Amino acid sequence: MMLLILRFAISILAVFVAEYIVPGVTVETLYAGVIVALILGVLNLVIRPILLLLTLPITILTFGLFAFVINALLFWFVASFVEGFAVSGFVAAFLGALIVSLINWAADRLL
């Protein structure tokens, strides 16, 4: 249970790091950051595997790079309905999702 809370806290931190680094990503409040991290976690757990399976041929053709596009689209999708979280375009969504993914991956490796 403690490990789950720690991973969630790292995800929240990753969202704010992405906001700090990427000019087009805006998180207005801590509450918005928590909601974004929660929704991103649920989408990555439930929807992302389905999308990866549906886009498997193009993912294979691009040697797995299309998975980054799926991450960016999910990141951008979350910004479309969470108040206080905005992403200015696809490039900002791509970079923001990349930063969040890298931080979460590094945290998983350390934990």
Protein backbone atom coordinates (compact mmCIF):
# COMPACT_ATOMS: atom_id res chain seq x y z
CA MET A 1 0.00 0.00 0.00
CA MET A 2 2.82 2.36 0.85
CA LEU A 3 4.52 1.62 -2.46
CA LEU A 4 1.32 2.48 -4.34
CA ILE A 5 1.03 5.83 -2.52
CA LEU A 6 4.68 6.57 -3.25
CA ARG A 7 4.24 5.82 -6.96
CA PHE A 8 1.17 8.05 -7.05
CA ALA A 9 3.09 10.87 -5.37
CA ILE A 10 5.89 10.47 -7.92
CA SER A 11 3.31 10.66 -10.73
CA ILE A 12 1.98 13.91 -9.28
CA LEU A 13 5.53 15.25 -9.09
CA ALA A 14 6.14 14.14 -12.70
CA VAL A 15 3.13 16.15 -13.89
CA PHE A 16 4.51 19.27 -12.21
CA VAL A 17 8.01 18.64 -13.60
CA ALA A 18 6.47 18.39 -17.08
CA GLU A 19 4.70 21.69 -16.45
CA TYR A 20 7.96 23.28 -15.38
CA ILE A 21 9.97 22.02 -18.36
CA VAL A 22 7.47 22.10 -21.26
CA PRO A 23 6.21 25.59 -22.15
CA GLY A 24 2.81 24.43 -23.45
CA VAL A 25 1.78 22.42 -20.37
CA THR A 26 -0.04 24.29 -17.60
CA VAL A 27 -1.19 22.97 -14.22
CA GLU A 28 -2.96 25.65 -12.22
CA THR A 29 -3.43 24.00 -8.82
CA LEU A 30 -2.20 21.07 -6.78
CA TYR A 31 -5.70 19.61 -6.97
CA ALA A 32 -5.56 19.67 -10.78
CA GLY A 33 -2.18 17.96 -10.68
CA VAL A 34 -3.52 15.20 -8.43
CA ILE A 35 -6.54 14.65 -10.68
CA VAL A 36 -4.34 14.57 -13.79
CA ALA A 37 -2.00 12.01 -12.24
CA LEU A 38 -4.95 9.88 -11.14
CA ILE A 39 -6.71 9.95 -14.51
CA LEU A 40 -3.47 9.35 -16.42
CA GLY A 41 -2.78 6.35 -14.22
CA VAL A 42 -6.22 4.88 -14.84
CA LEU A 43 -6.05 5.53 -18.59
CA ASN A 44 -2.58 4.00 -18.81
CA LEU A 45 -3.82 0.96 -16.92
CA VAL A 46 -7.08 0.41 -18.81
CA ILE A 47 -7.18 2.22 -22.18
CA ARG A 48 -3.50 2.27 -23.24
CA PRO A 49 -3.15 -1.54 -23.60
CA ILE A 50 -6.29 -1.65 -25.75
CA LEU A 51 -4.98 1.16 -27.96
CA LEU A 52 -1.60 -0.53 -28.25
CA LEU A 53 -3.29 -3.75 -29.31
CA LEU A 54 -5.49 -2.00 -31.87
CA THR A 55 -2.53 -0.11 -33.35
CA LEU A 56 -0.14 -3.05 -33.22
CA PRO A 57 0.57 -3.13 -36.98
CA ILE A 58 1.60 0.53 -37.11
CA THR A 59 3.52 0.15 -33.85
CA ILE A 60 5.48 -2.73 -35.36
CA LEU A 61 6.12 -0.77 -38.57
CA THR A 62 7.49 2.16 -36.56
CA PHE A 63 9.57 -0.12 -34.32
CA GLY A 64 7.48 0.82 -31.27
CA LEU A 65 7.71 4.58 -31.70
CA PHE A 66 3.95 4.88 -32.24
CA ALA A 67 3.53 4.07 -28.55
CA PHE A 68 4.90 7.56 -27.84
CA VAL A 69 2.15 9.01 -30.01
CA ILE A 70 -0.46 7.07 -28.03
CA ASN A 71 1.01 8.42 -24.77
CA ALA A 72 0.86 11.97 -26.15
CA LEU A 73 -2.73 11.56 -27.29
CA LEU A 74 -3.78 10.26 -23.87
CA PHE A 75 -1.97 13.17 -22.18
CA TRP A 76 -3.71 15.62 -24.52
CA PHE A 77 -7.05 13.87 -23.97
CA VAL A 78 -6.78 14.33 -20.21
CA ALA A 79 -6.19 18.05 -20.75
CA SER A 80 -9.44 18.28 -22.69
CA PHE A 81 -11.64 17.64 -19.66
CA VAL A 82 -9.64 18.40 -16.49
CA GLU A 83 -10.16 21.95 -15.27
CA GLY A 84 -6.89 23.66 -14.42
CA PHE A 85 -4.80 21.50 -16.77
CA ALA A 86 -4.04 22.70 -20.28
CA VAL A 87 -1.85 21.47 -23.10
CA SER A 88 -1.30 23.89 -26.00
CA GLY A 89 -0.75 21.37 -28.79
CA PHE A 90 0.51 17.99 -29.86
CA VAL A 91 4.20 18.81 -29.45
CA ALA A 92 3.61 19.98 -25.88
CA ALA A 93 1.54 16.86 -25.22
CA PHE A 94 4.28 14.67 -26.70
CA LEU A 95 7.02 16.27 -24.60
CA GLY A 96 4.88 16.34 -21.46
CA ALA A 97 3.94 12.68 -21.82
CA LEU A 98 7.57 11.79 -22.51
CA ILE A 99 8.75 13.53 -19.34
CA VAL A 100 6.01 11.98 -17.19
CA SER A 101 6.77 8.54 -18.65
CA LEU A 102 10.51 8.87 -18.10
CA ILE A 103 10.11 9.99 -14.49
CA ASN A 104 7.63 7.20 -13.75
CA TRP A 105 9.91 4.64 -15.44
CA ALA A 106 12.94 5.82 -13.44
CA ALA A 107 10.93 5.73 -10.21
CA ASP A 108 9.75 2.18 -10.95
CA ARG A 109 13.35 1.11 -11.55
CA LEU A 110 14.49 2.69 -8.26
CA LEU A 111 11.62 1.28 -6.23
